[in-house]
Amino acid sequence: MRHFHSDHHHCRTARGEHEDGLSGGRGGRGGGRVFGHGGLRFVLLQLIADKPAHGYELIKAIEDRLGGSYAPSPGVVYPTLTLLEELGYLSVETADNGGRKRYSITASGQEFLATNRDTADAMMARMTGGVDGAGPRGGRPPQVTRAIENLKLAMRMRLSGTPLTEQQAHDFAAVLDSAAQQLERI
């Protein structure tokens, strides 16, 4: 039996960047935690328990639930689905048109979900809240998300260039401090 380790979920943002879905901040591209160790398994099982689906549909469902801000890559989803199938939690039907696999939950998978209901519910709740509580139901307006991403990009671009002089570092910090103070007054 093959074993897949789910502690390194590489995911893509809506912009196509790759990032570590577990520990935001690595490599300066962190988007916050979405799924903890093995969490994607519970999300996929729950989504399939709700409605049998193809792998692409599952990726799209996760992305949609997170307002387009995050989607697990096929390179993580498909091996996880294979693992769940090998564990006996999923059954697969291959369609005649193109050989696409449709996944359904088995009785064993239902039992596993029931035994781990708290974990499964917690993982699904994380998708409702999104990364840092910013999902579609989390209340962050899209224009605010866009502005945050623009600021992060501008900071990354400036900090990855030539090193800041002492004065530039003070000015950089002053701009950020000023923005923080303005936001606190809103």
C-alpha atoms as a PDB file:
ATOM      1  CA  MET A   1       0.000   0.000   0.000  1.00  0.00           C
ATOM      2  CA  ARG A   2       1.280   3.483  -0.842  1.00  0.00           C
ATOM      3  CA  HIS A   3       1.346   6.101   1.876  1.00  0.00           C
ATOM      4  CA  PHE A   4       0.971   9.790   1.194  1.00  0.00           C
ATOM      5  CA  HIS A   5       2.036  12.296   3.765  1.00  0.00           C
ATOM      6  CA  SER A   6      -0.335  15.204   3.945  1.00  0.00           C
ATOM      7  CA  ASP A   7       1.813  17.513   6.013  1.00  0.00           C
ATOM      8  CA  HIS A   8       3.044  19.408   2.946  1.00  0.00           C
ATOM      9  CA  HIS A   9      -0.011  20.595   1.026  1.00  0.00           C
ATOM     10  CA  HIS A  10       1.078  22.793  -1.842  1.00  0.00           C
ATOM     11  CA  CYS A  11      -1.777  24.962  -2.920  1.00  0.00           C
ATOM     12  CA  ARG A  12      -2.310  27.712  -5.392  1.00  0.00           C
ATOM     13  CA  THR A  13      -3.949  31.024  -4.851  1.00  0.00           C
ATOM     14  CA  ALA A  14      -6.320  32.536  -7.358  1.00  0.00           C
ATOM     15  CA  ARG A  15      -3.264  34.177  -8.944  1.00  0.00           C
ATOM     16  CA  GLY A  16      -1.602  30.805  -9.513  1.00  0.00           C
ATOM     17  CA  GLU A  17       1.148  31.247  -6.908  1.00  0.00           C
ATOM     18  CA  HIS A  18       2.174  28.130  -5.053  1.00  0.00           C
ATOM     19  CA  GLU A  19       2.183  28.257  -1.303  1.00  0.00           C
ATOM     20  CA  ASP A  20       2.309  25.923   1.638  1.00  0.00           C
ATOM     21  CA  GLY A  21      -1.252  25.443   2.824  1.00  0.00           C
ATOM     22  CA  LEU A  22      -0.137  24.631   6.343  1.00  0.00           C
ATOM     23  CA  SER A  23       2.248  27.245   7.585  1.00  0.00           C
ATOM     24  CA  GLY A  24       1.748  30.690   6.178  1.00  0.00           C
ATOM     25  CA  GLY A  25       4.858  32.781   5.935  1.00  0.00           C
ATOM     26  CA  ARG A  26       7.316  30.346   4.335  1.00  0.00           C
ATOM     27  CA  GLY A  27       9.137  31.977   1.507  1.00  0.00           C
ATOM     28  CA  GLY A  28       7.236  35.226   2.024  1.00  0.00           C
ATOM     29  CA  ARG A  29       4.129  33.947   0.286  1.00  0.00           C
ATOM     30  CA  GLY A  30       2.143  32.610   3.234  1.00  0.00           C
ATOM     31  CA  GLY A  31      -1.600  32.742   2.994  1.00  0.00           C
ATOM     32  CA  GLY A  32      -2.347  31.361   6.444  1.00  0.00           C
ATOM     33  CA  ARG A  33      -3.531  27.937   7.457  1.00  0.00           C
ATOM     34  CA  VAL A  34      -6.408  26.311   5.679  1.00  0.00           C
ATOM     35  CA  PHE A  35      -6.009  22.605   6.446  1.00  0.00           C
ATOM     36  CA  GLY A  36      -3.966  21.126   9.267  1.00  0.00           C
ATOM     37  CA  HIS A  37      -2.201  17.759   9.126  1.00  0.00           C
ATOM     38  CA  GLY A  38      -4.495  15.404   7.218  1.00  0.00           C
ATOM     39  CA  GLY A  39      -7.279  17.978   7.106  1.00  0.00           C
ATOM     40  CA  LEU A  40      -7.746  17.777   3.353  1.00  0.00           C
ATOM     41  CA  ARG A  41      -8.753  14.121   3.752  1.00  0.00           C
ATOM     42  CA  PHE A  42     -11.696  15.100   5.942  1.00  0.00           C
ATOM     43  CA  VAL A  43     -12.777  17.890   3.614  1.00  0.00           C
ATOM     44  CA  LEU A  44     -12.687  15.633   0.551  1.00  0.00           C
ATOM     45  CA  LEU A  45     -14.533  12.845   2.360  1.00  0.00           C
ATOM     46  CA  GLN A  46     -17.213  15.233   3.585  1.00  0.00           C
ATOM     47  CA  LEU A  47     -17.691  16.825   0.171  1.00  0.00           C
ATOM     48  CA  ILE A  48     -17.963  13.383  -1.439  1.00  0.00           C
ATOM     49  CA  ALA A  49     -20.344  12.216   1.305  1.00  0.00           C
ATOM     50  CA  ASP A  50     -22.523  15.211   0.462  1.00  0.00           C
ATOM     51  CA  LYS A  51     -22.357  14.516  -3.273  1.00  0.00           C
ATOM     52  CA  PRO A  52     -20.245  12.086  -5.345  1.00  0.00           C
ATOM     53  CA  ALA A  53     -17.858  14.078  -7.535  1.00  0.00           C
ATOM     54  CA  HIS A  54     -14.888  14.122  -9.906  1.00  0.00           C
ATOM     55  CA  GLY A  55     -11.526  15.426  -8.654  1.00  0.00           C
ATOM     56  CA  TYR A  56     -11.812  18.682 -10.578  1.00  0.00           C
ATOM     57  CA  GLU A  57     -15.272  19.293  -9.094  1.00  0.00           C
ATOM     58  CA  LEU A  58     -13.831  18.829  -5.609  1.00  0.00           C
ATOM     59  CA  ILE A  59     -11.015  21.314  -6.251  1.00  0.00           C
ATOM     60  CA  LYS A  60     -13.562  23.805  -7.602  1.00  0.00           C
ATOM     61  CA  ALA A  61     -15.894  23.243  -4.621  1.00  0.00           C
ATOM     62  CA  ILE A  62     -13.086  24.036  -2.167  1.00  0.00           C
ATOM     63  CA  GLU A  63     -12.051  27.099  -4.157  1.00  0.00           C
ATOM     64  CA  ASP A  64     -15.675  28.306  -4.336  1.00  0.00           C
ATOM     65  CA  ARG A  65     -16.192  27.844  -0.584  1.00  0.00           C
ATOM     66  CA  LEU A  66     -13.117  29.974   0.017  1.00  0.00           C
ATOM     67  CA  GLY A  67     -14.271  32.733  -2.287  1.00  0.00           C
ATOM     68  CA  GLY A  68     -11.636  31.973  -4.927  1.00  0.00           C
ATOM     69  CA  SER A  69      -8.771  32.885  -2.593  1.00  0.00           C
ATOM     70  CA  TYR A  70      -7.395  29.350  -2.283  1.00  0.00           C
ATOM     71  CA  ALA A  71      -7.561  26.026  -4.083  1.00  0.00           C
ATOM     72  CA  PRO A  72      -5.600  22.855  -3.402  1.00  0.00           C
ATOM     73  CA  SER A  73      -3.503  21.777  -6.356  1.00  0.00           C
ATOM     74  CA  PRO A  74      -4.340  18.630  -8.341  1.00  0.00           C
ATOM     75  CA  GLY A  75      -0.934  17.316  -7.229  1.00  0.00           C
ATOM     76  CA  VAL A  76      -2.249  17.191  -3.664  1.00  0.00           C
ATOM     77  CA  VAL A  77      -5.911  16.347  -4.258  1.00  0.00           C
ATOM     78  CA  TYR A  78      -5.499  13.341  -6.548  1.00  0.00           C
ATOM     79  CA  PRO A  79      -2.941  11.500  -4.377  1.00  0.00           C
ATOM     80  CA  THR A  80      -5.184  12.145  -1.357  1.00  0.00           C
ATOM     81  CA  LEU A  81      -8.170  10.707  -3.242  1.00  0.00           C
ATOM     82  CA  THR A  82      -6.046   7.669  -4.190  1.00  0.00           C
ATOM     83  CA  LEU A  83      -5.069   7.213  -0.543  1.00  0.00           C
ATOM     84  CA  LEU A  84      -8.718   7.418   0.566  1.00  0.00           C
ATOM     85  CA  GLU A  85      -9.610   4.860  -2.090  1.00  0.00           C
ATOM     86  CA  GLU A  86      -6.798   2.528  -0.949  1.00  0.00           C
ATOM     87  CA  LEU A  87      -7.971   2.889   2.660  1.00  0.00           C
ATOM     88  CA  GLY A  88     -11.414   1.734   1.515  1.00  0.00           C
ATOM     89  CA  TYR A  89     -13.141   5.042   2.276  1.00  0.00           C
ATOM     90  CA  LEU A  90     -13.972   5.829  -1.355  1.00  0.00           C
ATOM     91  CA  SER A  91     -15.134   3.866  -4.348  1.00  0.00           C
ATOM     92  CA  VAL A  92     -14.417   4.961  -7.890  1.00  0.00           C
ATOM     93  CA  GLU A  93     -16.480   4.736 -11.042  1.00  0.00           C
ATOM     94  CA  THR A  94     -14.659   5.458 -14.296  1.00  0.00           C
ATOM     95  CA  ALA A  95     -16.842   7.141 -16.858  1.00  0.00           C
ATOM     96  CA  ASP A  96     -16.735   5.918 -20.444  1.00  0.00           C
ATOM     97  CA  ASN A  97     -16.315   9.447 -21.788  1.00  0.00           C
ATOM     98  CA  GLY A  98     -12.658  10.270 -21.236  1.00  0.00           C
ATOM     99  CA  GLY A  99     -12.078   7.985 -18.271  1.00  0.00           C
ATOM    100  CA  ARG A 100     -12.806  10.608 -15.611  1.00  0.00           C
ATOM    101  CA  LYS A 101     -13.103   9.093 -12.162  1.00  0.00           C
ATOM    102  CA  ARG A 102     -16.167   9.791 -10.063  1.00  0.00           C
ATOM    103  CA  TYR A 103     -15.659   9.285  -6.334  1.00  0.00           C
ATOM    104  CA  SER A 104     -18.322   8.036  -3.911  1.00  0.00           C
ATOM    105  CA  ILE A 105     -18.010   7.427  -0.194  1.00  0.00           C
ATOM    106  CA  THR A 106     -18.158   3.842   1.072  1.00  0.00           C
ATOM    107  CA  ALA A 107     -19.747   2.555   4.282  1.00  0.00           C
ATOM    108  CA  SER A 108     -16.240   2.413   5.748  1.00  0.00           C
ATOM    109  CA  GLY A 109     -15.712   6.047   4.738  1.00  0.00           C
ATOM    110  CA  GLN A 110     -19.016   7.044   6.359  1.00  0.00           C
ATOM    111  CA  GLU A 111     -17.950   5.244   9.538  1.00  0.00           C
ATOM    112  CA  PHE A 112     -14.557   6.996   9.504  1.00  0.00           C
ATOM    113  CA  LEU A 113     -16.283  10.376   9.099  1.00  0.00           C
ATOM    114  CA  ALA A 114     -18.705   9.594  11.934  1.00  0.00           C
ATOM    115  CA  THR A 115     -15.839   8.548  14.222  1.00  0.00           C
ATOM    116  CA  ASN A 116     -14.000  11.773  13.378  1.00  0.00           C
ATOM    117  CA  ARG A 117     -17.041  14.060  13.196  1.00  0.00           C
ATOM    118  CA  ASP A 118     -15.461  16.850  15.293  1.00  0.00           C
ATOM    119  CA  THR A 119     -12.383  17.016  13.073  1.00  0.00           C
ATOM    120  CA  ALA A 120     -14.417  16.871   9.860  1.00  0.00           C
ATOM    121  CA  ASP A 121     -16.734  19.621  11.097  1.00  0.00           C
ATOM    122  CA  ALA A 122     -13.775  21.759  12.136  1.00  0.00           C
ATOM    123  CA  MET A 123     -12.180  21.409   8.688  1.00  0.00           C
ATOM    124  CA  MET A 124     -15.433  22.311   6.953  1.00  0.00           C
ATOM    125  CA  ALA A 125     -15.877  25.297   9.282  1.00  0.00           C
ATOM    126  CA  ARG A 126     -12.405  26.513   8.337  1.00  0.00           C
ATOM    127  CA  MET A 127     -13.541  26.626   4.721  1.00  0.00           C
ATOM    128  CA  THR A 128     -16.580  28.661   5.709  1.00  0.00           C
ATOM    129  CA  GLY A 129     -14.351  31.136   7.512  1.00  0.00           C
ATOM    130  CA  GLY A 130     -11.599  31.013   4.925  1.00  0.00           C
ATOM    131  CA  VAL A 131      -7.952  31.837   5.414  1.00  0.00           C
ATOM    132  CA  ASP A 132      -7.684  34.100   8.464  1.00  0.00           C
ATOM    133  CA  GLY A 133     -11.504  34.160   8.673  1.00  0.00           C
ATOM    134  CA  ALA A 134     -11.745  35.891   5.310  1.00  0.00           C
ATOM    135  CA  GLY A 135     -13.893  33.509   3.307  1.00  0.00           C
ATOM    136  CA  PRO A 136     -17.085  34.385   1.463  1.00  0.00           C
ATOM    137  CA  ARG A 137     -19.088  34.308   4.702  1.00  0.00           C
ATOM    138  CA  GLY A 138     -16.268  35.859   6.733  1.00  0.00           C
ATOM    139  CA  GLY A 139     -17.284  39.355   5.716  1.00  0.00           C
ATOM    140  CA  ARG A 140     -14.120  40.686   4.063  1.00  0.00           C
ATOM    141  CA  PRO A 141     -15.200  42.748   1.063  1.00  0.00           C
ATOM    142  CA  PRO A 142     -13.400  41.930  -2.197  1.00  0.00           C
ATOM    143  CA  GLN A 143     -12.000  45.454  -2.562  1.00  0.00           C
ATOM    144  CA  VAL A 144     -10.336  45.122   0.862  1.00  0.00           C
ATOM    145  CA  THR A 145      -8.858  41.738  -0.105  1.00  0.00           C
ATOM    146  CA  ARG A 146      -7.546  43.289  -3.339  1.00  0.00           C
ATOM    147  CA  ALA A 147      -5.984  46.204  -1.445  1.00  0.00           C
ATOM    148  CA  ILE A 148      -4.310  43.857   1.045  1.00  0.00           C
ATOM    149  CA  GLU A 149      -2.869  41.768  -1.792  1.00  0.00           C
ATOM    150  CA  ASN A 150      -1.623  44.926  -3.551  1.00  0.00           C
ATOM    151  CA  LEU A 151       0.094  46.089  -0.353  1.00  0.00           C
ATOM    152  CA  LYS A 152       1.681  42.683   0.231  1.00  0.00           C
ATOM    153  CA  LEU A 153       2.957  42.603  -3.349  1.00  0.00           C
ATOM    154  CA  ALA A 154       4.368  46.139  -3.131  1.00  0.00           C
ATOM    155  CA  MET A 155       6.152  45.284   0.130  1.00  0.00           C
ATOM    156  CA  ARG A 156       7.565  42.026  -1.251  1.00  0.00           C
ATOM    157  CA  MET A 157       8.785  43.706  -4.422  1.00  0.00           C
ATOM    158  CA  ARG A 158      10.478  46.559  -2.553  1.00  0.00           C
ATOM    159  CA  LEU A 159      12.025  44.305   0.113  1.00  0.00           C
ATOM    160  CA  SER A 160      13.335  41.825  -2.469  1.00  0.00           C
ATOM    161  CA  GLY A 161      15.245  44.559  -4.318  1.00  0.00           C
ATOM    162  CA  THR A 162      18.252  46.481  -3.133  1.00  0.00           C
ATOM    163  CA  PRO A 163      18.591  46.579   0.659  1.00  0.00           C
ATOM    164  CA  LEU A 164      16.965  49.526   2.401  1.00  0.00           C
ATOM    165  CA  THR A 165      19.144  52.276   3.780  1.00  0.00           C
ATOM    166  CA  GLU A 166      18.613  53.253   7.416  1.00  0.00           C
ATOM    167  CA  GLN A 167      16.441  56.215   6.340  1.00  0.00           C
ATOM    168  CA  GLN A 168      14.444  54.104   3.866  1.00  0.00           C
ATOM    169  CA  ALA A 169      13.800  51.532   6.597  1.00  0.00           C
ATOM    170  CA  HIS A 170      12.468  54.298   8.894  1.00  0.00           C
ATOM    171  CA  ASP A 171      10.301  55.678   6.064  1.00  0.00           C
ATOM    172  CA  PHE A 172       9.011  52.188   5.166  1.00  0.00           C
ATOM    173  CA  ALA A 173       8.062  51.528   8.795  1.00  0.00           C
ATOM    174  CA  ALA A 174       6.463  54.980   9.096  1.00  0.00           C
ATOM    175  CA  VAL A 175       4.191  54.312   6.105  1.00  0.00           C
ATOM    176  CA  LEU A 176       3.055  51.006   7.609  1.00  0.00           C
ATOM    177  CA  ASP A 177       2.586  52.512  11.093  1.00  0.00           C
ATOM    178  CA  SER A 178       0.554  55.374   9.613  1.00  0.00           C
ATOM    179  CA  ALA A 179      -1.675  52.957   7.693  1.00  0.00           C
ATOM    180  CA  ALA A 180      -2.208  50.872  10.846  1.00  0.00           C
ATOM    181  CA  GLN A 181      -3.187  53.961  12.835  1.00  0.00           C
ATOM    182  CA  GLN A 182      -5.599  55.094  10.112  1.00  0.00           C
ATOM    183  CA  LEU A 183      -7.219  51.656  10.014  1.00  0.00           C
ATOM    184  CA  GLU A 184      -7.705  51.667  13.778  1.00  0.00           C
ATOM    185  CA  ARG A 185      -9.746  54.884  13.455  1.00  0.00           C
ATOM    186  CA  ILE A 186     -12.155  53.447  10.846  1.00  0.00           C
END
